[in-house]
Every structure is written in structure tokens, then in C-alpha cells.
Amino acid sequence: MPMIVKTFLENNDLSEKIVILFQLTQERGWSSSLNDLDELCQNSTITDGFSIIGSNAKDSQKKLNEWFEEIEN
């Protein structure tokens, strides 16, 4: 998890909020970010995330739109 995001979560109470995960990365998966989120957002609802690998970003619009529709419901 990028330090700026971790610092934000440490300094802001997101209790009873919905945390929507999205990332653009050069690696696959969420690594330890999900564990960090579980710890830092204990009283929040965390959605299934959407991850785009940078080299695939230009071809991901359809998948991104489908994900938006899923989280809206």
C-alpha cells in the first residue's frame, strides 16, 4: 500500500463508511494492501476491488464499466 494512502487511513476515521478499492499497478494482485485495509478500516465496508495492470489500462474500459455497475448495486 502506498504510504500516502496508509497515512490517510491512519489519520481519518472511516468507520461506517464504504471503502471502494481501485488500483493501477505494474504488479498483479493487491499484495499486503488488503490486510492493511482490514486493519485500518475495521468498522468499514470494503468492496471487492478493481485492479488494472498498467500495460492493459488502454483496453480495460469495458471491464471498468462493468465493475462500476456492480458496485452501484
Protein backbone atom coordinates (compact mmCIF):
# COMPACT_ATOMS: atom_id res chain seq x y z
CA MET A 1 0.00 0.00 0.00
CA PRO A 2 1.41 3.41 -0.89
CA MET A 3 2.48 5.33 2.21
CA ILE A 4 0.26 8.30 1.33
CA VAL A 5 -2.81 6.04 1.37
CA LYS A 6 -1.75 4.36 4.61
CA THR A 7 -1.15 7.75 6.26
CA PHE A 8 -4.57 8.96 5.11
CA LEU A 9 -6.26 5.88 6.56
CA GLU A 10 -4.36 6.17 9.83
CA ASN A 11 -5.42 9.80 10.24
CA ASN A 12 -9.05 9.61 9.11
CA ASP A 13 -11.85 7.64 10.71
CA LEU A 14 -13.72 5.75 8.02
CA SER A 15 -15.95 3.90 10.45
CA GLU A 16 -19.32 3.05 8.94
CA LYS A 17 -18.12 4.22 5.52
CA ILE A 18 -17.88 2.24 2.28
CA VAL A 19 -14.31 1.91 1.02
CA ILE A 20 -14.18 1.28 -2.74
CA LEU A 21 -10.91 -0.26 -3.89
CA PHE A 22 -9.29 0.62 -7.21
CA GLN A 23 -5.70 0.38 -8.33
CA LEU A 24 -3.49 0.85 -11.35
CA THR A 25 -0.36 -1.25 -10.90
CA GLN A 26 2.54 -2.85 -12.69
CA GLU A 27 2.25 -5.92 -10.47
CA ARG A 28 -0.50 -8.47 -10.12
CA GLY A 29 -2.81 -8.50 -7.14
CA TRP A 30 -3.19 -6.45 -4.04
CA SER A 31 -0.12 -7.81 -2.17
CA SER A 32 -0.47 -6.90 1.52
CA SER A 33 -2.79 -3.95 0.86
CA LEU A 34 -5.94 -5.90 1.73
CA ASN A 35 -4.50 -6.95 5.09
CA ASP A 36 -3.57 -3.33 5.80
CA LEU A 37 -7.07 -2.19 4.85
CA ASP A 38 -8.69 -4.76 7.12
CA GLU A 39 -6.58 -3.44 9.99
CA LEU A 40 -7.00 0.28 9.24
CA CYS A 41 -10.69 0.18 8.29
CA GLN A 42 -12.06 -2.25 10.86
CA ASN A 43 -15.53 -0.73 11.07
CA SER A 44 -15.89 -0.01 7.35
CA THR A 45 -17.42 -1.90 4.48
CA ILE A 46 -14.70 -2.75 1.95
CA THR A 47 -15.84 -3.55 -1.59
CA ASP A 48 -14.30 -6.06 -3.93
CA GLY A 49 -11.58 -4.13 -5.67
CA PHE A 50 -10.77 -3.44 -9.27
CA SER A 51 -7.15 -3.78 -10.34
CA ILE A 52 -5.73 -2.75 -13.69
CA ILE A 53 -2.23 -3.62 -14.80
CA GLY A 54 -0.77 -0.52 -16.41
CA SER A 55 0.08 -2.15 -19.72
CA ASN A 56 -3.58 -3.26 -20.03
CA ALA A 57 -5.17 0.05 -18.99
CA LYS A 58 -6.00 1.22 -22.51
CA ASP A 59 -8.07 -1.93 -23.11
CA SER A 60 -9.94 -2.02 -19.80
CA GLN A 61 -12.84 0.41 -20.30
CA LYS A 62 -15.48 -2.32 -20.73
CA LYS A 63 -14.33 -4.19 -17.60
CA LEU A 64 -14.20 -0.93 -15.65
CA ASN A 65 -17.75 -0.02 -16.69
CA GLU A 66 -18.98 -3.48 -15.64
CA TRP A 67 -17.27 -3.06 -12.25
CA PHE A 68 -18.91 0.36 -11.79
CA GLU A 69 -22.30 -1.23 -12.43
CA GLU A 70 -21.57 -3.96 -9.86
CA ILE A 71 -20.62 -1.55 -7.07
CA GLU A 72 -23.60 0.71 -7.74
CA ASN A 73 -25.98 -2.09 -6.77
